[in-house]
Amino acid sequence: MTHDKNLAKDPSTYAAGFPAPDPEPVFSYHPVLIDVPQRPVPLAVRVTAPVNGTDLPVIVLSHGHGPSTFVPSFYGYGPLVNFWAAHGFAVIQPTHLDATFLGLREADDPDAPLYLKWRADDLSRVVDHLGEIERAVPGLAGRLDSSRIAAVGHSAGGQTVGLISGETFIRDGATIGAVDDRFGARVMIAAPGRGEDMNGPAAEPYAELTTTSFDRMTPKVLVVTGEKDYNPFFSDRQDWRRDPYTAAPGPKVLLEFFEAEHGLGGISTFDAAETTDENPDRVAAVRALIWAYLRSELYPGDPAWTNATAVLAGSAAPVARVESK
């Protein structure tokens, strides 16, 4: 069999010079529907996984709340999903209740428009039903490693990962958010910051975000930010989205990408008009570095993160910086 050398530069799978194995073929299957009591619609998930291999670690990926019709759902985030699946992970994407095409953002529901509690419950439900999901996908039964599960999310999805990691918000006097110990690694990408500093116009439609606290977010988390991810619609603090790192107790790791804005170069979909800083090389670096972090967190002793950060530190023009506490 001959191989096209250009496949090594496939923009959906290349790693921007960071160490990673050769990509493998992947497949995607959807929807898998999970009936959840009192949820307005079944929890629909998409599974993308390597065609071959066993004992596959799992990433549960939480989408953002963006303005597009299909990106904020299991149809989005192909630049991340394709790469992670091609490099050995089974990626499970729930469609949260705030997905635009579901039409529930304007519902007369105290959870609307963000459905924060339902979002966090969705991540835990995926783990609850992991065996069911595995059996529903042709060719996947018996191939997942249920002891190695990571949670990753972007924007509102980052908030969602925070909520299963001890981050909290207040609703009707009740504190919502707790640690789900079944997740062995956690990554919050471009997540909202502290509620007390959310002083922009977004405070009115997203009132629950104004109560966000990181005081109880004790597990180790990789916090991924863009150096220029600043939007006065949310806060007048230019470093507000760094709060999941700075305002939470350790251990935490910060991965901040220079010049990057909220879309980190375009992680939410290919050629997205909503991406303000379109940069395929940045996207490749984001996903490769997160992949390396997850490998080392889920497989103690795996040098992937050490190797990747060594490449970053040794670069004449580094694309990001790493800080830990």
C-alpha atoms as a PDB file:
ATOM      1  CA  MET A   1       0.000   0.000   0.000  1.00  0.00           C
ATOM      2  CA  THR A   2       1.308   3.457  -0.864  1.00  0.00           C
ATOM      3  CA  HIS A   3       0.853   6.500   1.327  1.00  0.00           C
ATOM      4  CA  ASP A   4       0.351  10.129   0.362  1.00  0.00           C
ATOM      5  CA  LYS A   5       3.080  12.105   2.090  1.00  0.00           C
ATOM      6  CA  ASN A   6       0.710  15.057   2.375  1.00  0.00           C
ATOM      7  CA  LEU A   7      -1.403  13.104   4.857  1.00  0.00           C
ATOM      8  CA  ALA A   8       1.291  13.792   7.445  1.00  0.00           C
ATOM      9  CA  LYS A   9       0.276  17.453   7.167  1.00  0.00           C
ATOM     10  CA  ASP A  10      -3.450  16.819   7.441  1.00  0.00           C
ATOM     11  CA  PRO A  11      -4.678  19.905   9.343  1.00  0.00           C
ATOM     12  CA  SER A  12      -7.009  17.738  11.414  1.00  0.00           C
ATOM     13  CA  THR A  13      -4.224  15.548  12.807  1.00  0.00           C
ATOM     14  CA  TYR A  14      -0.845  17.286  12.699  1.00  0.00           C
ATOM     15  CA  ALA A  15       0.800  18.245  15.988  1.00  0.00           C
ATOM     16  CA  ALA A  16       2.647  21.509  15.190  1.00  0.00           C
ATOM     17  CA  GLY A  17       6.045  20.016  15.977  1.00  0.00           C
ATOM     18  CA  PHE A  18       5.111  18.611  19.384  1.00  0.00           C
ATOM     19  CA  PRO A  19       5.883  14.925  20.068  1.00  0.00           C
ATOM     20  CA  ALA A  20       2.958  12.634  19.193  1.00  0.00           C
ATOM     21  CA  PRO A  21       2.596   9.202  17.596  1.00  0.00           C
ATOM     22  CA  ASP A  22       1.467   8.838  14.001  1.00  0.00           C
ATOM     23  CA  PRO A  23      -2.286   9.376  13.620  1.00  0.00           C
ATOM     24  CA  GLU A  24      -4.529   6.362  13.146  1.00  0.00           C
ATOM     25  CA  PRO A  25      -7.848   6.064  11.258  1.00  0.00           C
ATOM     26  CA  VAL A  26     -10.932   7.016  13.250  1.00  0.00           C
ATOM     27  CA  PHE A  27     -14.682   6.579  13.026  1.00  0.00           C
ATOM     28  CA  SER A  28     -17.575   8.565  14.444  1.00  0.00           C
ATOM     29  CA  TYR A  29     -21.027   7.355  15.511  1.00  0.00           C
ATOM     30  CA  HIS A  30     -24.086   9.340  16.566  1.00  0.00           C
ATOM     31  CA  PRO A  31     -26.504   9.678  18.127  1.00  0.00           C
ATOM     32  CA  VAL A  32     -26.462   7.461  21.164  1.00  0.00           C
ATOM     33  CA  LEU A  33     -29.524   8.493  23.169  1.00  0.00           C
ATOM     34  CA  ILE A  34     -29.693   8.227  26.948  1.00  0.00           C
ATOM     35  CA  ASP A  35     -33.054   8.682  28.655  1.00  0.00           C
ATOM     36  CA  VAL A  36     -32.681  10.870  31.736  1.00  0.00           C
ATOM     37  CA  PRO A  37     -35.653  11.424  34.074  1.00  0.00           C
ATOM     38  CA  GLN A  38     -37.072  14.976  33.887  1.00  0.00           C
ATOM     39  CA  ARG A  39     -34.591  16.029  31.191  1.00  0.00           C
ATOM     40  CA  PRO A  40     -36.614  17.778  28.446  1.00  0.00           C
ATOM     41  CA  VAL A  41     -34.992  15.648  25.732  1.00  0.00           C
ATOM     42  CA  PRO A  42     -32.777  12.541  25.895  1.00  0.00           C
ATOM     43  CA  LEU A  43     -29.071  13.097  26.381  1.00  0.00           C
ATOM     44  CA  ALA A  44     -27.581  12.658  22.900  1.00  0.00           C
ATOM     45  CA  VAL A  45     -23.896  11.840  22.570  1.00  0.00           C
ATOM     46  CA  ARG A  46     -21.476  11.392  19.698  1.00  0.00           C
ATOM     47  CA  VAL A  47     -18.547   8.965  19.933  1.00  0.00           C
ATOM     48  CA  THR A  48     -15.366   9.320  17.893  1.00  0.00           C
ATOM     49  CA  ALA A  49     -12.679   6.707  18.366  1.00  0.00           C
ATOM     50  CA  PRO A  50      -9.734   4.957  16.730  1.00  0.00           C
ATOM     51  CA  VAL A  51     -10.750   2.165  14.380  1.00  0.00           C
ATOM     52  CA  ASN A  52      -8.261  -0.144  16.094  1.00  0.00           C
ATOM     53  CA  GLY A  53      -6.985  -0.669  19.616  1.00  0.00           C
ATOM     54  CA  THR A  54      -8.249  -1.684  23.030  1.00  0.00           C
ATOM     55  CA  ASP A  55      -8.145  -0.198  26.539  1.00  0.00           C
ATOM     56  CA  LEU A  56      -8.893   3.190  25.024  1.00  0.00           C
ATOM     57  CA  PRO A  57      -8.863   6.108  27.471  1.00  0.00           C
ATOM     58  CA  VAL A  58     -11.929   8.341  27.324  1.00  0.00           C
ATOM     59  CA  ILE A  59     -12.361  12.092  26.925  1.00  0.00           C
ATOM     60  CA  VAL A  60     -15.777  13.568  27.717  1.00  0.00           C
ATOM     61  CA  LEU A  61     -15.830  16.861  25.817  1.00  0.00           C
ATOM     62  CA  SER A  62     -18.207  19.667  26.831  1.00  0.00           C
ATOM     63  CA  HIS A  63     -19.058  22.175  24.115  1.00  0.00           C
ATOM     64  CA  GLY A  64     -19.392  25.929  24.533  1.00  0.00           C
ATOM     65  CA  HIS A  65     -22.461  28.175  24.425  1.00  0.00           C
ATOM     66  CA  GLY A  66     -21.499  30.029  21.237  1.00  0.00           C
ATOM     67  CA  PRO A  67     -23.746  31.766  18.693  1.00  0.00           C
ATOM     68  CA  SER A  68     -23.709  29.172  15.898  1.00  0.00           C
ATOM     69  CA  THR A  69     -26.507  26.720  15.210  1.00  0.00           C
ATOM     70  CA  PHE A  70     -24.491  23.497  15.318  1.00  0.00           C
ATOM     71  CA  VAL A  71     -21.049  24.272  16.815  1.00  0.00           C
ATOM     72  CA  PRO A  72     -22.407  24.318  20.400  1.00  0.00           C
ATOM     73  CA  SER A  73     -23.386  20.644  20.253  1.00  0.00           C
ATOM     74  CA  PHE A  74     -21.841  17.287  19.429  1.00  0.00           C
ATOM     75  CA  TYR A  75     -21.405  18.538  15.862  1.00  0.00           C
ATOM     76  CA  GLY A  76     -18.658  20.958  16.922  1.00  0.00           C
ATOM     77  CA  TYR A  77     -15.009  20.820  17.955  1.00  0.00           C
ATOM     78  CA  GLY A  78     -13.804  18.646  15.069  1.00  0.00           C
ATOM     79  CA  PRO A  79     -10.256  20.089  15.180  1.00  0.00           C
ATOM     80  CA  LEU A  80      -9.852  18.731  18.712  1.00  0.00           C
ATOM     81  CA  VAL A  81     -11.941  15.577  18.421  1.00  0.00           C
ATOM     82  CA  ASN A  82     -10.309  14.282  15.237  1.00  0.00           C
ATOM     83  CA  PHE A  83      -6.821  14.760  16.634  1.00  0.00           C
ATOM     84  CA  TRP A  84      -7.459  13.179  20.014  1.00  0.00           C
ATOM     85  CA  ALA A  85      -9.229  10.176  18.488  1.00  0.00           C
ATOM     86  CA  ALA A  86      -6.483   9.738  15.886  1.00  0.00           C
ATOM     87  CA  HIS A  87      -4.014   9.657  18.774  1.00  0.00           C
ATOM     88  CA  GLY A  88      -5.656   6.983  20.877  1.00  0.00           C
ATOM     89  CA  PHE A  89      -8.615   8.450  22.780  1.00  0.00           C
ATOM     90  CA  ALA A  90     -12.305   7.672  22.543  1.00  0.00           C
ATOM     91  CA  VAL A  91     -13.985  11.079  22.596  1.00  0.00           C
ATOM     92  CA  ILE A  92     -17.579  11.316  23.828  1.00  0.00           C
ATOM     93  CA  GLN A  93     -19.454  14.544  23.120  1.00  0.00           C
ATOM     94  CA  PRO A  94     -22.739  15.215  24.896  1.00  0.00           C
ATOM     95  CA  THR A  95     -25.148  17.748  23.407  1.00  0.00           C
ATOM     96  CA  HIS A  96     -26.158  19.956  26.330  1.00  0.00           C
ATOM     97  CA  LEU A  97     -29.594  21.517  26.682  1.00  0.00           C
ATOM     98  CA  ASP A  98     -28.298  24.943  25.641  1.00  0.00           C
ATOM     99  CA  ALA A  99     -27.440  23.656  22.141  1.00  0.00           C
ATOM    100  CA  THR A 100     -28.883  26.323  19.846  1.00  0.00           C
ATOM    101  CA  PHE A 101     -30.795  23.977  17.563  1.00  0.00           C
ATOM    102  CA  LEU A 102     -32.718  22.460  20.493  1.00  0.00           C
ATOM    103  CA  GLY A 103     -34.515  25.792  20.878  1.00  0.00           C
ATOM    104  CA  LEU A 104     -34.452  25.727  24.693  1.00  0.00           C
ATOM    105  CA  ARG A 105     -32.337  28.800  25.403  1.00  0.00           C
ATOM    106  CA  GLU A 106     -35.443  30.987  25.503  1.00  0.00           C
ATOM    107  CA  ALA A 107     -37.545  28.458  27.396  1.00  0.00           C
ATOM    108  CA  ASP A 108     -39.482  29.463  30.508  1.00  0.00           C
ATOM    109  CA  ASP A 109     -37.139  27.390  32.620  1.00  0.00           C
ATOM    110  CA  PRO A 110     -35.076  28.513  35.632  1.00  0.00           C
ATOM    111  CA  ASP A 111     -32.118  26.602  34.141  1.00  0.00           C
ATOM    112  CA  ALA A 112     -32.199  28.554  30.854  1.00  0.00           C
ATOM    113  CA  PRO A 113     -30.285  29.838  29.015  1.00  0.00           C
ATOM    114  CA  LEU A 114     -27.068  28.122  30.165  1.00  0.00           C
ATOM    115  CA  TYR A 115     -28.479  25.010  31.883  1.00  0.00           C
ATOM    116  CA  LEU A 116     -25.391  24.909  34.085  1.00  0.00           C
ATOM    117  CA  LYS A 117     -26.546  22.212  36.488  1.00  0.00           C
ATOM    118  CA  TRP A 118     -27.816  20.032  33.657  1.00  0.00           C
ATOM    119  CA  ARG A 119     -24.492  20.518  31.892  1.00  0.00           C
ATOM    120  CA  ALA A 120     -22.543  19.212  34.875  1.00  0.00           C
ATOM    121  CA  ASP A 121     -25.015  16.356  35.308  1.00  0.00           C
ATOM    122  CA  ASP A 122     -24.535  15.463  31.619  1.00  0.00           C
ATOM    123  CA  LEU A 123     -20.834  14.786  32.174  1.00  0.00           C
ATOM    124  CA  SER A 124     -21.552  12.545  35.133  1.00  0.00           C
ATOM    125  CA  ARG A 125     -24.374  10.801  33.237  1.00  0.00           C
ATOM    126  CA  VAL A 126     -21.974   9.898  30.447  1.00  0.00           C
ATOM    127  CA  VAL A 127     -19.814   8.095  32.998  1.00  0.00           C
ATOM    128  CA  ASP A 128     -22.884   6.498  34.604  1.00  0.00           C
ATOM    129  CA  HIS A 129     -23.893   5.086  31.197  1.00  0.00           C
ATOM    130  CA  LEU A 130     -20.438   4.436  29.766  1.00  0.00           C
ATOM    131  CA  GLY A 131     -21.056   0.712  29.353  1.00  0.00           C
ATOM    132  CA  GLU A 132     -24.356   1.378  27.604  1.00  0.00           C
ATOM    133  CA  ILE A 133     -22.687   3.868  25.264  1.00  0.00           C
ATOM    134  CA  GLU A 134     -19.882   1.426  24.513  1.00  0.00           C
ATOM    135  CA  ARG A 135     -22.305  -1.353  23.622  1.00  0.00           C
ATOM    136  CA  ALA A 136     -24.430   0.942  21.440  1.00  0.00           C
ATOM    137  CA  VAL A 137     -21.554   1.883  19.128  1.00  0.00           C
ATOM    138  CA  PRO A 138     -20.771  -0.824  16.552  1.00  0.00           C
ATOM    139  CA  GLY A 139     -17.252  -2.127  16.970  1.00  0.00           C
ATOM    140  CA  LEU A 140     -16.594  -0.387  20.291  1.00  0.00           C
ATOM    141  CA  ALA A 141     -17.827  -2.943  22.853  1.00  0.00           C
ATOM    142  CA  GLY A 142     -15.086  -4.045  25.220  1.00  0.00           C
ATOM    143  CA  ARG A 143     -12.580  -1.488  23.959  1.00  0.00           C
ATOM    144  CA  LEU A 144     -12.868   1.353  26.512  1.00  0.00           C
ATOM    145  CA  ASP A 145     -10.808   1.724  29.678  1.00  0.00           C
ATOM    146  CA  SER A 146     -13.354   2.964  32.206  1.00  0.00           C
ATOM    147  CA  SER A 147     -10.598   3.634  34.744  1.00  0.00           C
ATOM    148  CA  ARG A 148      -9.057   6.399  32.605  1.00  0.00           C
ATOM    149  CA  ILE A 149     -11.582   9.168  31.959  1.00  0.00           C
ATOM    150  CA  ALA A 150     -10.858  12.854  31.362  1.00  0.00           C
ATOM    151  CA  ALA A 151     -13.197  15.848  31.247  1.00  0.00           C
ATOM    152  CA  VAL A 152     -12.394  18.674  28.831  1.00  0.00           C
ATOM    153  CA  GLY A 153     -14.504  21.732  28.009  1.00  0.00           C
ATOM    154  CA  HIS A 154     -14.320  25.073  26.213  1.00  0.00           C
ATOM    155  CA  SER A 155     -15.899  28.329  27.396  1.00  0.00           C
ATOM    156  CA  ALA A 156     -19.226  27.328  29.013  1.00  0.00           C
ATOM    157  CA  GLY A 157     -17.877  23.794  28.631  1.00  0.00           C
ATOM    158  CA  GLY A 158     -14.880  24.842  30.707  1.00  0.00           C
ATOM    159  CA  GLN A 159     -17.306  26.040  33.375  1.00  0.00           C
ATOM    160  CA  THR A 160     -19.015  22.655  33.113  1.00  0.00           C
ATOM    161  CA  VAL A 161     -15.739  20.839  33.798  1.00  0.00           C
ATOM    162  CA  GLY A 162     -15.224  23.182  36.738  1.00  0.00           C
ATOM    163  CA  LEU A 163     -18.598  22.215  38.181  1.00  0.00           C
ATOM    164  CA  ILE A 164     -17.618  18.527  38.346  1.00  0.00           C
ATOM    165  CA  SER A 165     -14.307  19.621  39.881  1.00  0.00           C
ATOM    166  CA  GLY A 166     -15.566  21.608  42.874  1.00  0.00           C
ATOM    167  CA  GLU A 167     -16.247  24.999  41.288  1.00  0.00           C
ATOM    168  CA  THR A 168     -19.593  26.336  42.532  1.00  0.00           C
ATOM    169  CA  PHE A 169     -22.388  28.761  41.796  1.00  0.00           C
ATOM    170  CA  ILE A 170     -25.433  29.746  43.853  1.00  0.00           C
ATOM    171  CA  ARG A 171     -29.075  29.191  42.899  1.00  0.00           C
ATOM    172  CA  ASP A 172     -31.920  30.075  45.237  1.00  0.00           C
ATOM    173  CA  GLY A 173     -29.549  29.959  48.189  1.00  0.00           C
ATOM    174  CA  ALA A 174     -28.215  26.487  47.299  1.00  0.00           C
ATOM    175  CA  THR A 175     -24.594  25.851  46.390  1.00  0.00           C
ATOM    176  CA  ILE A 176     -24.252  23.824  43.170  1.00  0.00           C
ATOM    177  CA  GLY A 177     -21.067  22.059  42.081  1.00  0.00           C
ATOM    178  CA  ALA A 178     -19.147  19.080  43.483  1.00  0.00           C
ATOM    179  CA  VAL A 179     -16.169  16.873  42.692  1.00  0.00           C
ATOM    180  CA  ASP A 180     -16.851  13.775  40.590  1.00  0.00           C
ATOM    181  CA  ASP A 181     -13.854  11.611  41.451  1.00  0.00           C
ATOM    182  CA  ARG A 182     -14.349   9.313  38.475  1.00  0.00           C
ATOM    183  CA  PHE A 183     -12.577  11.811  36.235  1.00  0.00           C
ATOM    184  CA  GLY A 184      -8.834  11.259  36.399  1.00  0.00           C
ATOM    185  CA  ALA A 185      -7.899  14.400  34.456  1.00  0.00           C
ATOM    186  CA  ARG A 186      -9.592  17.767  33.920  1.00  0.00           C
ATOM    187  CA  VAL A 187      -9.010  20.553  31.390  1.00  0.00           C
ATOM    188  CA  MET A 188     -10.818  23.912  31.425  1.00  0.00           C
ATOM    189  CA  ILE A 189     -10.330  25.910  28.214  1.00  0.00           C
ATOM    190  CA  ALA A 190     -11.234  29.636  28.170  1.00  0.00           C
ATOM    191  CA  ALA A 191     -13.669  29.221  31.067  1.00  0.00           C
ATOM    192  CA  PRO A 192     -15.417  32.134  32.804  1.00  0.00           C
ATOM    193  CA  GLY A 193     -13.715  33.759  35.788  1.00  0.00           C
ATOM    194  CA  ARG A 194     -14.810  34.819  39.250  1.00  0.00           C
ATOM    195  CA  GLY A 195     -18.430  35.846  39.604  1.00  0.00           C
ATOM    196  CA  GLU A 196     -17.680  38.908  41.707  1.00  0.00           C
ATOM    197  CA  ASP A 197     -15.661  40.405  38.825  1.00  0.00           C
ATOM    198  CA  MET A 198     -18.266  39.710  36.141  1.00  0.00           C
ATOM    199  CA  ASN A 199     -19.291  43.337  35.813  1.00  0.00           C
ATOM    200  CA  GLY A 200     -20.150  43.563  32.113  1.00  0.00           C
ATOM    201  CA  PRO A 201     -23.561  43.401  30.385  1.00  0.00           C
ATOM    202  CA  ALA A 202     -23.456  39.570  30.484  1.00  0.00           C
ATOM    203  CA  ALA A 203     -24.207  39.722  34.207  1.00  0.00           C
ATOM    204  CA  GLU A 204     -27.893  40.233  33.454  1.00  0.00           C
ATOM    205  CA  PRO A 205     -28.657  37.321  31.079  1.00  0.00           C
ATOM    206  CA  TYR A 206     -26.171  35.024  32.812  1.00  0.00           C
ATOM    207  CA  ALA A 207     -26.877  35.973  36.409  1.00  0.00           C
ATOM    208  CA  GLU A 208     -25.805  32.619  37.842  1.00  0.00           C
ATOM    209  CA  LEU A 209     -22.281  33.182  36.548  1.00  0.00           C
ATOM    210  CA  THR A 210     -21.991  36.170  38.878  1.00  0.00           C
ATOM    211  CA  THR A 211     -21.899  33.746  41.834  1.00  0.00           C
ATOM    212  CA  THR A 212     -19.056  31.601  40.439  1.00  0.00           C
ATOM    213  CA  SER A 213     -16.462  30.617  43.042  1.00  0.00           C
ATOM    214  CA  PHE A 214     -13.312  28.512  42.780  1.00  0.00           C
ATOM    215  CA  ASP A 215     -12.679  28.198  46.527  1.00  0.00           C
ATOM    216  CA  ARG A 216     -13.639  24.489  46.577  1.00  0.00           C
ATOM    217  CA  MET A 217     -12.044  23.491  43.262  1.00  0.00           C
ATOM    218  CA  THR A 218      -9.378  21.296  44.830  1.00  0.00           C
ATOM    219  CA  PRO A 219      -8.543  18.644  42.163  1.00  0.00           C
ATOM    220  CA  LYS A 220      -5.677  19.163  39.769  1.00  0.00           C
ATOM    221  CA  VAL A 221      -6.850  20.979  36.630  1.00  0.00           C
ATOM    222  CA  LEU A 222      -5.128  22.185  33.477  1.00  0.00           C
ATOM    223  CA  VAL A 223      -6.410  25.715  32.830  1.00  0.00           C
ATOM    224  CA  VAL A 224      -5.942  26.758  29.189  1.00  0.00           C
ATOM    225  CA  THR A 225      -6.260  30.450  28.339  1.00  0.00           C
ATOM    226  CA  GLY A 226      -5.599  32.899  25.539  1.00  0.00           C
ATOM    227  CA  GLU A 227      -3.410  35.877  26.349  1.00  0.00           C
ATOM    228  CA  LYS A 228      -5.858  38.190  24.549  1.00  0.00           C
ATOM    229  CA  ASP A 229      -9.106  36.486  25.558  1.00  0.00           C
ATOM    230  CA  TYR A 230     -10.687  39.682  26.819  1.00  0.00           C
ATOM    231  CA  ASN A 231     -14.314  40.712  26.350  1.00  0.00           C
ATOM    232  CA  PRO A 232     -15.817  43.617  28.331  1.00  0.00           C
ATOM    233  CA  PHE A 233     -19.226  42.028  27.759  1.00  0.00           C
ATOM    234  CA  PHE A 234     -18.235  39.759  30.666  1.00  0.00           C
ATOM    235  CA  SER A 235     -15.656  41.650  32.727  1.00  0.00           C
ATOM    236  CA  ASP A 236     -13.420  44.706  32.556  1.00  0.00           C
ATOM    237  CA  ARG A 237     -10.528  42.590  33.848  1.00  0.00           C
ATOM    238  CA  GLN A 238      -8.309  41.517  30.966  1.00  0.00           C
ATOM    239  CA  ASP A 239      -7.071  38.443  32.882  1.00  0.00           C
ATOM    240  CA  TRP A 240     -10.543  37.365  34.059  1.00  0.00           C
ATOM    241  CA  ARG A 241     -10.421  33.978  32.308  1.00  0.00           C
ATOM    242  CA  ARG A 242      -7.233  33.136  34.172  1.00  0.00           C
ATOM    243  CA  ASP A 243      -9.211  32.948  37.439  1.00  0.00           C
ATOM    244  CA  PRO A 244      -9.751  29.151  37.411  1.00  0.00           C
ATOM    245  CA  TYR A 245      -5.988  29.008  37.897  1.00  0.00           C
ATOM    246  CA  THR A 246      -5.284  32.062  40.060  1.00  0.00           C
ATOM    247  CA  ALA A 247      -8.387  31.954  42.300  1.00  0.00           C
ATOM    248  CA  ALA A 248      -8.492  28.186  42.940  1.00  0.00           C
ATOM    249  CA  PRO A 249      -6.376  26.246  45.414  1.00  0.00           C
ATOM    250  CA  GLY A 250      -3.518  24.147  44.043  1.00  0.00           C
ATOM    251  CA  PRO A 251      -2.565  21.914  42.436  1.00  0.00           C
ATOM    252  CA  LYS A 252      -3.285  23.679  39.138  1.00  0.00           C
ATOM    253  CA  VAL A 253      -1.446  24.083  35.834  1.00  0.00           C
ATOM    254  CA  LEU A 254      -1.819  27.126  33.572  1.00  0.00           C
ATOM    255  CA  LEU A 255      -1.222  26.853  29.823  1.00  0.00           C
ATOM    256  CA  GLU A 256      -1.514  30.327  28.301  1.00  0.00           C
ATOM    257  CA  PHE A 257      -1.224  30.840  24.535  1.00  0.00           C
ATOM    258  CA  PHE A 258       0.376  34.067  23.383  1.00  0.00           C
ATOM    259  CA  GLU A 259      -1.756  36.347  21.174  1.00  0.00           C
ATOM    260  CA  ALA A 260      -4.677  33.893  21.394  1.00  0.00           C
ATOM    261  CA  GLU A 261      -8.267  35.016  21.800  1.00  0.00           C
ATOM    262  CA  HIS A 262     -11.351  33.125  22.947  1.00  0.00           C
ATOM    263  CA  GLY A 263     -11.333  30.622  20.065  1.00  0.00           C
ATOM    264  CA  LEU A 264      -7.668  29.702  20.586  1.00  0.00           C
ATOM    265  CA  GLY A 265      -7.117  29.867  16.836  1.00  0.00           C
ATOM    266  CA  GLY A 266     -10.295  28.003  15.886  1.00  0.00           C
ATOM    267  CA  ILE A 267     -10.709  24.959  18.135  1.00  0.00           C
ATOM    268  CA  SER A 268     -14.506  24.905  17.958  1.00  0.00           C
ATOM    269  CA  THR A 269     -14.823  23.950  14.297  1.00  0.00           C
ATOM    270  CA  PHE A 270     -13.058  24.076  10.958  1.00  0.00           C
ATOM    271  CA  ASP A 271     -13.201  27.517   9.259  1.00  0.00           C
ATOM    272  CA  ALA A 272     -15.569  29.021  11.826  1.00  0.00           C
ATOM    273  CA  ALA A 273     -16.602  32.584  11.082  1.00  0.00           C
ATOM    274  CA  GLU A 274     -16.988  33.117  14.848  1.00  0.00           C
ATOM    275  CA  THR A 275     -13.264  32.536  15.355  1.00  0.00           C
ATOM    276  CA  THR A 276     -11.607  35.925  15.817  1.00  0.00           C
ATOM    277  CA  ASP A 277      -8.013  34.649  15.745  1.00  0.00           C
ATOM    278  CA  GLU A 278      -7.996  32.008  12.986  1.00  0.00           C
ATOM    279  CA  ASN A 279      -4.675  30.179  13.241  1.00  0.00           C
ATOM    280  CA  PRO A 280      -4.440  26.441  12.349  1.00  0.00           C
ATOM    281  CA  ASP A 281      -0.939  26.147  13.822  1.00  0.00           C
ATOM    282  CA  ARG A 282      -2.196  27.471  17.152  1.00  0.00           C
ATOM    283  CA  VAL A 283      -5.063  24.961  17.101  1.00  0.00           C
ATOM    284  CA  ALA A 284      -2.575  22.174  16.422  1.00  0.00           C
ATOM    285  CA  ALA A 285      -0.426  23.268  19.360  1.00  0.00           C
ATOM    286  CA  VAL A 286      -3.446  23.545  21.696  1.00  0.00           C
ATOM    287  CA  ARG A 287      -4.670  20.026  20.984  1.00  0.00           C
ATOM    288  CA  ALA A 288      -1.189  18.472  21.005  1.00  0.00           C
ATOM    289  CA  LEU A 289      -0.289  19.990  24.363  1.00  0.00           C
ATOM    290  CA  ILE A 290      -3.641  19.014  25.913  1.00  0.00           C
ATOM    291  CA  TRP A 291      -3.198  15.497  24.512  1.00  0.00           C
ATOM    292  CA  ALA A 292       0.247  15.291  26.143  1.00  0.00           C
ATOM    293  CA  TYR A 293      -1.122  16.531  29.475  1.00  0.00           C
ATOM    294  CA  LEU A 294      -3.943  13.972  29.448  1.00  0.00           C
ATOM    295  CA  ARG A 295      -1.576  11.122  28.604  1.00  0.00           C
ATOM    296  CA  SER A 296       0.651  11.939  31.559  1.00  0.00           C
ATOM    297  CA  GLU A 297      -2.239  12.475  33.975  1.00  0.00           C
ATOM    298  CA  LEU A 298      -4.088   9.284  33.052  1.00  0.00           C
ATOM    299  CA  TYR A 299      -0.922   7.185  32.725  1.00  0.00           C
ATOM    300  CA  PRO A 300       1.425   8.157  35.569  1.00  0.00           C
ATOM    301  CA  GLY A 301       4.984   7.893  34.342  1.00  0.00           C
ATOM    302  CA  ASP A 302       4.112   8.656  30.724  1.00  0.00           C
ATOM    303  CA  PRO A 303       6.607  11.388  29.688  1.00  0.00           C
ATOM    304  CA  ALA A 304       4.325  12.995  27.087  1.00  0.00           C
ATOM    305  CA  TRP A 305       3.746  16.217  29.060  1.00  0.00           C
ATOM    306  CA  THR A 306       7.391  16.520  30.082  1.00  0.00           C
ATOM    307  CA  ASN A 307       8.472  16.025  26.484  1.00  0.00           C
ATOM    308  CA  ALA A 308       5.921  18.491  25.097  1.00  0.00           C
ATOM    309  CA  THR A 309       6.754  21.239  27.577  1.00  0.00           C
ATOM    310  CA  ALA A 310      10.463  20.703  26.907  1.00  0.00           C
ATOM    311  CA  VAL A 311       9.809  21.398  23.216  1.00  0.00           C
ATOM    312  CA  LEU A 312       7.814  24.475  24.204  1.00  0.00           C
ATOM    313  CA  ALA A 313      10.553  25.779  26.493  1.00  0.00           C
ATOM    314  CA  GLY A 314      13.234  25.104  23.889  1.00  0.00           C
ATOM    315  CA  SER A 315      11.472  26.945  21.101  1.00  0.00           C
ATOM    316  CA  ALA A 316      13.035  30.132  19.766  1.00  0.00           C
ATOM    317  CA  ALA A 317       9.512  31.543  19.437  1.00  0.00           C
ATOM    318  CA  PRO A 318       7.292  29.724  21.966  1.00  0.00           C
ATOM    319  CA  VAL A 319       3.560  29.769  21.295  1.00  0.00           C
ATOM    320  CA  ALA A 320       2.595  29.483  24.964  1.00  0.00           C
ATOM    321  CA  ARG A 321       3.841  29.439  28.510  1.00  0.00           C
ATOM    322  CA  VAL A 322       3.273  26.981  31.359  1.00  0.00           C
ATOM    323  CA  GLU A 323       2.939  27.850  35.037  1.00  0.00           C
ATOM    324  CA  SER A 324       2.139  25.553  37.968  1.00  0.00           C
ATOM    325  CA  LYS A 325       1.177  25.848  41.600  1.00  0.00           C
END
